[in-house]
Structures are given as structure tokens and as C-alpha cells.
C-alpha atoms as a PDB file:
ATOM      1  CA  MET A   1      53.579 -36.228 179.204  1.00  0.00           C
ATOM      2  CA  ALA A   2      52.908 -39.061 176.748  1.00  0.00           C
ATOM      3  CA  THR A   3      51.003 -38.316 173.548  1.00  0.00           C
ATOM      4  CA  ARG A   4      47.744 -40.265 173.249  1.00  0.00           C
ATOM      5  CA  ARG A   5      45.838 -41.127 170.104  1.00  0.00           C
ATOM      6  CA  ALA A   6      42.454 -39.549 169.575  1.00  0.00           C
ATOM      7  CA  ALA A   7      39.912 -38.970 166.821  1.00  0.00           C
ATOM      8  CA  SER A   8      37.355 -36.320 165.920  1.00  0.00           C
ATOM      9  CA  ILE A   9      34.503 -36.419 163.430  1.00  0.00           C
ATOM     10  CA  ILE A  10      33.467 -33.479 161.253  1.00  0.00           C
ATOM     11  CA  LEU A  11      29.832 -33.869 160.258  1.00  0.00           C
ATOM     12  CA  TYR A  12      28.760 -31.674 157.355  1.00  0.00           C
ATOM     13  CA  ARG A  13      25.525 -31.052 155.484  1.00  0.00           C
ATOM     14  CA  HIS A  14      23.931 -28.949 152.733  1.00  0.00           C
ATOM     15  CA  GLN A  15      21.231 -26.771 154.277  1.00  0.00           C
ATOM     16  CA  GLN A  16      19.303 -24.147 152.286  1.00  0.00           C
ATOM     17  CA  GLY A  17      22.210 -23.435 149.966  1.00  0.00           C
ATOM     18  CA  ARG A  18      24.777 -23.434 152.788  1.00  0.00           C
ATOM     19  CA  MET A  19      27.462 -25.926 153.745  1.00  0.00           C
ATOM     20  CA  GLU A  20      27.467 -26.405 157.498  1.00  0.00           C
ATOM     21  CA  VAL A  21      29.549 -28.343 160.029  1.00  0.00           C
ATOM     22  CA  PHE A  22      28.452 -29.651 163.399  1.00  0.00           C
ATOM     23  CA  LEU A  23      30.179 -28.378 166.545  1.00  0.00           C
ATOM     24  CA  THR A  24      29.573 -29.068 170.206  1.00  0.00           C
ATOM     25  CA  GLN A  25      30.261 -26.689 173.057  1.00  0.00           C
ATOM     26  CA  ARG A  26      32.112 -28.301 175.922  1.00  0.00           C
ATOM     27  CA  SER A  27      30.531 -28.105 179.352  1.00  0.00           C
ATOM     28  CA  GLN A  28      31.897 -25.602 181.850  1.00  0.00           C
ATOM     29  CA  ALA A  29      32.444 -28.558 184.198  1.00  0.00           C
ATOM     30  CA  VAL A  30      35.122 -30.306 182.089  1.00  0.00           C
ATOM     31  CA  GLN A  31      38.793 -29.925 182.944  1.00  0.00           C
ATOM     32  CA  SER A  32      40.176 -28.966 179.536  1.00  0.00           C
ATOM     33  CA  PHE A  33      38.814 -26.200 177.311  1.00  0.00           C
ATOM     34  CA  PRO A  34      35.542 -25.599 179.198  1.00  0.00           C
ATOM     35  CA  GLY A  35      33.072 -23.645 177.089  1.00  0.00           C
ATOM     36  CA  PHE A  36      35.027 -24.160 173.875  1.00  0.00           C
ATOM     37  CA  TRP A  37      33.403 -25.219 170.606  1.00  0.00           C
ATOM     38  CA  VAL A  38      34.884 -28.430 169.210  1.00  0.00           C
ATOM     39  CA  PHE A  39      34.252 -31.243 166.762  1.00  0.00           C
ATOM     40  CA  PRO A  40      32.896 -34.312 168.566  1.00  0.00           C
ATOM     41  CA  GLY A  41      35.684 -36.693 169.498  1.00  0.00           C
ATOM     42  CA  GLY A  42      37.983 -38.007 172.161  1.00  0.00           C
ATOM     43  CA  LYS A  43      40.784 -40.384 173.038  1.00  0.00           C
ATOM     44  CA  GLN A  44      41.085 -43.890 171.675  1.00  0.00           C
ATOM     45  CA  ASP A  45      39.959 -46.824 173.792  1.00  0.00           C
ATOM     46  CA  PRO A  46      41.704 -50.218 173.500  1.00  0.00           C
ATOM     47  CA  ALA A  47      38.358 -51.768 172.534  1.00  0.00           C
ATOM     48  CA  ASP A  48      38.289 -49.590 169.406  1.00  0.00           C
ATOM     49  CA  GLU A  49      41.260 -51.514 168.027  1.00  0.00           C
ATOM     50  CA  LEU A  50      39.522 -54.824 168.736  1.00  0.00           C
ATOM     51  CA  VAL A  51      36.415 -53.640 166.900  1.00  0.00           C
ATOM     52  CA  ALA A  52      38.481 -52.407 163.945  1.00  0.00           C
ATOM     53  CA  LYS A  53      39.879 -55.899 163.388  1.00  0.00           C
ATOM     54  CA  THR A  54      36.349 -57.226 162.798  1.00  0.00           C
ATOM     55  CA  LEU A  55      35.412 -54.657 160.132  1.00  0.00           C
ATOM     56  CA  PRO A  56      35.677 -54.925 156.336  1.00  0.00           C
ATOM     57  CA  THR A  57      39.030 -53.709 155.024  1.00  0.00           C
ATOM     58  CA  ARG A  58      39.100 -50.355 153.232  1.00  0.00           C
ATOM     59  CA  THR A  59      41.688 -47.795 152.194  1.00  0.00           C
ATOM     60  CA  PHE A  60      42.056 -44.220 153.420  1.00  0.00           C
ATOM     61  CA  ASP A  61      43.381 -41.233 151.465  1.00  0.00           C
ATOM     62  CA  ALA A  62      45.898 -38.902 153.074  1.00  0.00           C
ATOM     63  CA  GLY A  63      43.550 -35.947 153.618  1.00  0.00           C
ATOM     64  CA  PHE A  64      44.272 -32.235 153.413  1.00  0.00           C
ATOM     65  CA  ILE A  65      45.238 -31.357 157.011  1.00  0.00           C
ATOM     66  CA  GLU A  66      48.954 -31.733 157.683  1.00  0.00           C
ATOM     67  CA  GLN A  67      51.081 -30.885 160.708  1.00  0.00           C
ATOM     68  CA  GLU A  68      53.718 -28.694 159.074  1.00  0.00           C
ATOM     69  CA  ALA A  69      51.168 -26.598 157.178  1.00  0.00           C
ATOM     70  CA  PHE A  70      49.060 -26.315 160.343  1.00  0.00           C
ATOM     71  CA  GLN A  71      51.918 -24.995 162.481  1.00  0.00           C
ATOM     72  CA  ALA A  72      53.068 -22.610 159.753  1.00  0.00           C
ATOM     73  CA  ALA A  73      49.590 -21.193 159.132  1.00  0.00           C
ATOM     74  CA  MET A  74      48.851 -20.764 162.829  1.00  0.00           C
ATOM     75  CA  ALA A  75      52.268 -19.318 163.760  1.00  0.00           C
ATOM     76  CA  PRO A  76      50.762 -15.934 164.826  1.00  0.00           C
ATOM     77  CA  GLU A  77      48.333 -17.682 167.175  1.00  0.00           C
ATOM     78  CA  PHE A  78      51.109 -19.785 168.703  1.00  0.00           C
ATOM     79  CA  HIS A  79      53.307 -16.703 169.146  1.00  0.00           C
ATOM     80  CA  GLN A  80      50.463 -14.922 170.904  1.00  0.00           C
ATOM     81  CA  MET A  81      49.902 -17.908 173.190  1.00  0.00           C
ATOM     82  CA  MET A  82      53.469 -18.844 174.096  1.00  0.00           C
ATOM     83  CA  GLY A  83      55.766 -16.199 172.602  1.00  0.00           C
ATOM     84  CA  LYS A  84      57.359 -18.589 170.129  1.00  0.00           C
ATOM     85  CA  GLN A  85      56.661 -21.167 167.458  1.00  0.00           C
ATOM     86  CA  PRO A  86      56.591 -24.740 168.860  1.00  0.00           C
ATOM     87  CA  LEU A  87      59.026 -27.231 167.425  1.00  0.00           C
ATOM     88  CA  LEU A  88      57.772 -29.240 164.481  1.00  0.00           C
ATOM     89  CA  GLU A  89      57.583 -32.958 165.187  1.00  0.00           C
ATOM     90  CA  ARG A  90      57.288 -35.595 162.490  1.00  0.00           C
ATOM     91  CA  HIS A  91      55.606 -38.923 163.108  1.00  0.00           C
ATOM     92  CA  GLU A  92      55.384 -42.203 161.292  1.00  0.00           C
ATOM     93  CA  PRO A  93      52.365 -42.333 158.967  1.00  0.00           C
ATOM     94  CA  PHE A  94      49.316 -44.140 160.253  1.00  0.00           C
ATOM     95  CA  SER A  95      48.763 -47.587 158.802  1.00  0.00           C
ATOM     96  CA  VAL A  96      45.415 -48.705 157.386  1.00  0.00           C
ATOM     97  CA  GLU A  97      44.868 -50.531 160.666  1.00  0.00           C
ATOM     98  CA  ASP A  98      45.578 -47.328 162.620  1.00  0.00           C
ATOM     99  CA  TRP A  99      43.135 -45.291 160.528  1.00  0.00           C
ATOM    100  CA  THR A 100      40.467 -47.985 160.869  1.00  0.00           C
ATOM    101  CA  ALA A 101      40.768 -48.082 164.650  1.00  0.00           C
ATOM    102  CA  LEU A 102      40.669 -44.282 164.839  1.00  0.00           C
ATOM    103  CA  ALA A 103      37.577 -44.228 162.611  1.00  0.00           C
ATOM    104  CA  VAL A 104      35.910 -46.488 165.186  1.00  0.00           C
ATOM    105  CA  THR A 105      37.005 -44.064 167.914  1.00  0.00           C
ATOM    106  CA  ALA A 106      35.471 -41.125 166.061  1.00  0.00           C
ATOM    107  CA  ILE A 107      32.128 -42.917 165.579  1.00  0.00           C
ATOM    108  CA  ARG A 108      32.017 -44.111 169.191  1.00  0.00           C
ATOM    109  CA  GLU A 109      32.820 -40.668 170.592  1.00  0.00           C
ATOM    110  CA  LEU A 110      30.150 -39.020 168.418  1.00  0.00           C
ATOM    111  CA  TRP A 111      27.658 -41.568 169.703  1.00  0.00           C
ATOM    112  CA  GLU A 112      28.639 -41.137 173.350  1.00  0.00           C
ATOM    113  CA  GLU A 113      28.588 -37.328 173.226  1.00  0.00           C
ATOM    114  CA  THR A 114      25.435 -36.725 171.162  1.00  0.00           C
ATOM    115  CA  GLY A 115      23.464 -39.963 170.751  1.00  0.00           C
ATOM    116  CA  MET A 116      24.062 -39.764 166.970  1.00  0.00           C
ATOM    117  CA  ALA A 117      24.962 -43.278 165.811  1.00  0.00           C
ATOM    118  CA  LEU A 118      26.712 -44.022 162.534  1.00  0.00           C
ATOM    119  CA  THR A 119      26.110 -47.772 162.225  1.00  0.00           C
ATOM    120  CA  ALA A 120      25.261 -50.431 159.660  1.00  0.00           C
ATOM    121  CA  PRO A 121      22.454 -51.247 159.681  1.00  0.00           C
ATOM    122  CA  ARG A 122      21.358 -47.805 160.856  1.00  0.00           C
ATOM    123  CA  LEU A 123      19.874 -47.727 164.363  1.00  0.00           C
ATOM    124  CA  ASP A 124      16.790 -45.633 164.962  1.00  0.00           C
ATOM    125  CA  GLY A 125      16.960 -42.752 167.417  1.00  0.00           C
ATOM    126  CA  ILE A 126      15.437 -44.669 170.304  1.00  0.00           C
ATOM    127  CA  ASP A 127      17.878 -47.580 170.024  1.00  0.00           C
ATOM    128  CA  ALA A 128      20.812 -45.229 169.485  1.00  0.00           C
ATOM    129  CA  ARG A 129      20.067 -43.340 172.688  1.00  0.00           C
ATOM    130  CA  ARG A 130      19.378 -46.545 174.628  1.00  0.00           C
ATOM    131  CA  LEU A 131      22.778 -47.947 173.712  1.00  0.00           C
ATOM    132  CA  GLN A 132      24.448 -44.581 174.231  1.00  0.00           C
ATOM    133  CA  HIS A 133      23.839 -44.910 177.969  1.00  0.00           C
ATOM    134  CA  ARG A 134      25.663 -48.246 178.016  1.00  0.00           C
ATOM    135  CA  LEU A 135      28.609 -46.807 176.104  1.00  0.00           C
ATOM    136  CA  LEU A 136      28.836 -43.867 178.479  1.00  0.00           C
ATOM    137  CA  ALA A 137      28.881 -46.250 181.419  1.00  0.00           C
ATOM    138  CA  GLN A 138      31.680 -48.298 179.882  1.00  0.00           C
ATOM    139  CA  ALA A 139      33.322 -47.447 176.544  1.00  0.00           C
ATOM    140  CA  ASP A 140      34.745 -50.945 176.113  1.00  0.00           C
ATOM    141  CA  GLN A 141      31.194 -52.307 175.828  1.00  0.00           C
ATOM    142  CA  LEU A 142      31.151 -51.555 172.098  1.00  0.00           C
ATOM    143  CA  PRO A 143      32.188 -55.097 170.994  1.00  0.00           C
ATOM    144  CA  THR A 144      29.534 -56.591 173.270  1.00  0.00           C
ATOM    145  CA  LEU A 145      26.829 -54.239 171.993  1.00  0.00           C
ATOM    146  CA  MET A 146      27.755 -55.073 168.400  1.00  0.00           C
ATOM    147  CA  GLU A 147      27.310 -58.769 169.059  1.00  0.00           C
ATOM    148  CA  GLN A 148      24.081 -58.375 171.010  1.00  0.00           C
ATOM    149  CA  GLU A 149      22.405 -55.807 168.738  1.00  0.00           C
ATOM    150  CA  GLY A 150      23.708 -56.909 165.329  1.00  0.00           C
ATOM    151  CA  PHE A 151      25.396 -53.740 164.013  1.00  0.00           C
ATOM    152  CA  ILE A 152      28.868 -52.515 163.120  1.00  0.00           C
ATOM    153  CA  PRO A 153      30.322 -48.971 163.122  1.00  0.00           C
ATOM    154  CA  ASP A 154      29.836 -47.728 159.550  1.00  0.00           C
ATOM    155  CA  ILE A 155      33.327 -46.525 158.680  1.00  0.00           C
ATOM    156  CA  SER A 156      32.554 -46.685 154.940  1.00  0.00           C
ATOM    157  CA  GLN A 157      31.276 -43.103 154.897  1.00  0.00           C
ATOM    158  CA  LEU A 158      34.276 -41.538 156.633  1.00  0.00           C
ATOM    159  CA  GLU A 159      36.796 -39.540 154.623  1.00  0.00           C
ATOM    160  CA  VAL A 160      40.146 -38.670 156.167  1.00  0.00           C
ATOM    161  CA  ALA A 161      40.512 -34.928 156.680  1.00  0.00           C
ATOM    162  CA  GLY A 162      43.981 -35.300 158.195  1.00  0.00           C
ATOM    163  CA  ARG A 163      45.955 -35.495 161.385  1.00  0.00           C
ATOM    164  CA  ILE A 164      47.198 -32.993 163.948  1.00  0.00           C
ATOM    165  CA  THR A 165      49.395 -33.625 166.973  1.00  0.00           C
ATOM    166  CA  THR A 166      49.179 -31.182 169.863  1.00  0.00           C
ATOM    167  CA  PRO A 167      52.478 -29.265 169.812  1.00  0.00           C
ATOM    168  CA  ASP A 168      54.687 -29.408 172.882  1.00  0.00           C
ATOM    169  CA  LEU A 169      53.548 -26.291 174.724  1.00  0.00           C
ATOM    170  CA  GLY A 170      55.149 -27.194 178.048  1.00  0.00           C
ATOM    171  CA  PRO A 171      55.457 -30.029 180.564  1.00  0.00           C
ATOM    172  CA  ARG A 172      51.806 -29.806 181.665  1.00  0.00           C
ATOM    173  CA  THR A 173      50.356 -29.938 178.154  1.00  0.00           C
ATOM    174  CA  ARG A 174      47.929 -32.789 177.495  1.00  0.00           C
ATOM    175  CA  ARG A 175      49.015 -33.955 174.057  1.00  0.00           C
ATOM    176  CA  PHE A 176      46.974 -35.892 171.514  1.00  0.00           C
ATOM    177  CA  ASP A 177      47.781 -37.298 168.096  1.00  0.00           C
ATOM    178  CA  THR A 178      44.361 -36.734 166.565  1.00  0.00           C
ATOM    179  CA  ALA A 179      42.845 -38.087 163.374  1.00  0.00           C
ATOM    180  CA  PHE A 180      40.078 -35.995 161.808  1.00  0.00           C
ATOM    181  CA  PHE A 181      37.373 -37.499 159.624  1.00  0.00           C
ATOM    182  CA  LEU A 182      34.726 -35.891 157.416  1.00  0.00           C
ATOM    183  CA  VAL A 183      31.318 -37.503 156.960  1.00  0.00           C
ATOM    184  CA  PRO A 184      28.157 -36.210 155.273  1.00  0.00           C
ATOM    185  CA  TRP A 185      25.127 -36.176 157.561  1.00  0.00           C
ATOM    186  CA  ASP A 186      21.724 -36.076 155.900  1.00  0.00           C
ATOM    187  CA  ILE A 187      19.638 -37.625 158.666  1.00  0.00           C
ATOM    188  CA  GLU A 188      17.019 -35.585 160.451  1.00  0.00           C
ATOM    189  CA  VAL A 189      18.124 -35.376 164.055  1.00  0.00           C
ATOM    190  CA  GLY A 190      15.578 -35.086 166.829  1.00  0.00           C
ATOM    191  CA  PRO A 191      16.432 -33.905 170.339  1.00  0.00           C
ATOM    192  CA  MET A 192      20.024 -34.949 170.982  1.00  0.00           C
ATOM    193  CA  ALA A 193      20.960 -36.940 174.070  1.00  0.00           C
ATOM    194  CA  LEU A 194      24.005 -34.921 175.069  1.00  0.00           C
ATOM    195  CA  SER A 195      26.527 -36.335 177.514  1.00  0.00           C
ATOM    196  CA  GLN A 196      27.572 -34.414 180.618  1.00  0.00           C
ATOM    197  CA  GLU A 197      30.703 -33.238 178.760  1.00  0.00           C
ATOM    198  CA  VAL A 198      28.596 -31.377 176.179  1.00  0.00           C
ATOM    199  CA  ALA A 199      26.542 -28.238 176.785  1.00  0.00           C
ATOM    200  CA  VAL A 200      24.973 -27.911 173.332  1.00  0.00           C
ATOM    201  CA  GLY A 201      25.436 -28.998 169.718  1.00  0.00           C
ATOM    202  CA  GLU A 202      24.805 -26.709 166.743  1.00  0.00           C
ATOM    203  CA  TRP A 203      25.333 -26.431 162.984  1.00  0.00           C
ATOM    204  CA  PHE A 204      27.379 -23.512 161.592  1.00  0.00           C
ATOM    205  CA  THR A 205      29.043 -22.520 158.376  1.00  0.00           C
ATOM    206  CA  PRO A 206      32.807 -22.539 159.052  1.00  0.00           C
ATOM    207  CA  ASP A 207      32.901 -18.775 158.567  1.00  0.00           C
ATOM    208  CA  GLU A 208      30.099 -18.263 161.110  1.00  0.00           C
ATOM    209  CA  ALA A 209      31.891 -20.338 163.726  1.00  0.00           C
ATOM    210  CA  LEU A 210      35.152 -18.454 163.204  1.00  0.00           C
ATOM    211  CA  THR A 211      33.477 -15.052 163.303  1.00  0.00           C
ATOM    212  CA  ARG A 212      31.527 -15.783 166.475  1.00  0.00           C
ATOM    213  CA  TYR A 213      33.982 -17.765 168.544  1.00  0.00           C
ATOM    214  CA  ALA A 214      37.601 -17.273 167.429  1.00  0.00           C
ATOM    215  CA  PRO A 215      39.920 -16.979 169.187  1.00  0.00           C
ATOM    216  CA  THR A 216      38.510 -17.151 172.714  1.00  0.00           C
ATOM    217  CA  GLN A 217      36.238 -20.193 172.294  1.00  0.00           C
ATOM    218  CA  LEU A 218      37.974 -22.113 169.523  1.00  0.00           C
ATOM    219  CA  ALA A 219      41.229 -23.976 170.080  1.00  0.00           C
ATOM    220  CA  ILE A 220      43.971 -23.312 167.526  1.00  0.00           C
ATOM    221  CA  PRO A 221      43.554 -26.669 165.702  1.00  0.00           C
ATOM    222  CA  THR A 222      39.787 -26.108 165.414  1.00  0.00           C
ATOM    223  CA  GLN A 223      40.351 -22.636 163.980  1.00  0.00           C
ATOM    224  CA  TYR A 224      42.748 -24.043 161.394  1.00  0.00           C
ATOM    225  CA  ILE A 225      40.437 -26.858 160.318  1.00  0.00           C
ATOM    226  CA  LEU A 226      37.483 -24.496 159.964  1.00  0.00           C
ATOM    227  CA  ARG A 227      39.615 -22.184 157.802  1.00  0.00           C
ATOM    228  CA  MET A 228      40.719 -25.078 155.613  1.00  0.00           C
ATOM    229  CA  ILE A 229      37.180 -26.383 155.155  1.00  0.00           C
ATOM    230  CA  HIS A 230      35.924 -22.886 154.351  1.00  0.00           C
ATOM    231  CA  GLN A 231      38.649 -22.465 151.708  1.00  0.00           C
ATOM    232  CA  ARG A 232      37.974 -25.872 150.144  1.00  0.00           C
ATOM    233  CA  TRP A 233      34.233 -25.307 149.924  1.00  0.00           C
ATOM    234  CA  LYS A 234      34.717 -21.794 148.556  1.00  0.00           C
ATOM    235  CA  SER A 235      37.113 -23.126 145.913  1.00  0.00           C
ATOM    236  CA  SER A 236      34.695 -25.884 144.916  1.00  0.00           C
ATOM    237  CA  ILE A 237      31.947 -23.313 144.389  1.00  0.00           C
ATOM    238  CA  THR A 238      34.094 -20.850 142.417  1.00  0.00           C
ATOM    239  CA  GLY A 239      36.018 -23.523 140.541  1.00  0.00           C
ATOM    240  CA  GLY A 240      39.297 -22.232 141.942  1.00  0.00           C
END
């Protein structure tokens, strides 16, 4: 099965002395990973690449999530799942154009799934939810909405966390080459307009999410990313 490109967005915030990330729980009605907690995101749409070509050019750092380290760290989980360690695959690095298009994907998917819009200029909650319905009806409407409403996806705030490709776990595995982005979120969010794919969205410290939901409701890549974020934030606090 062909590997498709995808993107996820890791929102984080400081809340009462805690660092929290935003996770959504997938609906029980979806085909893959029903009931699992995930970072908002999804597969790339061809329109995302068209939008990316209209945005100001910027650079992206490499990030801290890397395929080889991911598969090595999560070897016990892979052994428990499939009785062996999947083969390590190496891919060509993403270009600036690739990262830009995937940043658009991440912003669009966040918007579709939750009604939270990361745009410049910033849309208010009412407009964000109004346009969310049009995106859900047809993802390739984003270029049209940009022209009609006078906004662009605000990729300036996104920091690359890294990239993970779904290992080859068998012929029926749906495989994605996924870019992960971090973005601070300091906006007060009212009632979220969740899509039918999403049951609920909540803020957790990484450690809370791992303690409550690993391993039965967190996919292996999500577990790894939460561990890495927890370690980085702990190190920044202790100076390690």
C-alpha cells in the first residue's frame, strides 16, 4: 500500500505552572484507531500544495523527532505488537516547499477537526466555525476561502517537531509519512466545533496522557512524541 503524506499539529500552552498539549479522541465511528487519543491532523490534500506556493517563504529547522531514534526507542512496543522490529526505512529529506505544504495541511486539519483556526489575520470564533463547515464539505475550498475572506494560513508560528513514517507492519497497513509541528496556543477557546471524526478535545500534560491512555488508547508514534516532549520540557526546567 502506497505511503501518503500527512501532517499533525501539537498545540501547547502554559497553564497554572503546567505545560500542556492538546489531544483529540477519535470517534468510535472512524475506521482507523477508533477511541484513540491523537494530535489533530490528517492526510495532505493537493490544494494544500497550491496554497503553500502563495505564502511567504520561510525556513524550517530539522526538529527533534527522527525515524531511527523512534523505532529504536519503541522497539519493545513493536515487538509486543508484531513479534519483531520493523525494518528501518530512510527517506529523502523534505524540501522547504514540502514542509510549507505540510504546515498548511496541519493548520487545515486542525481547523476542520476542531474549528480552531490559525490564520493571519486571526479569524474570530464565529467566522472560524462558519468557514469550518465549508472546509469539511470540501477540503480543496481553502484557496477559494482565502481569496474570498482575505486570510492566509499562519505558518509563521509553526516549529518543526519532526517526521515519522508508519513502519511496514504488513500488507494491510495504512502508511503515512507524517510531519509534526509544534505551535504555542494562548487563545481562549470557547466551545469547540468538533467534526464527526472527533469525540472530544482536551488538554493534558504529556505525562498525564501517557499515564491514563498508554498503551491501549495511544498509538506508538503518539506515545513516543509525548515521551520526547515530556523529556524536553523536564530538561528545560531542570537545566539538564
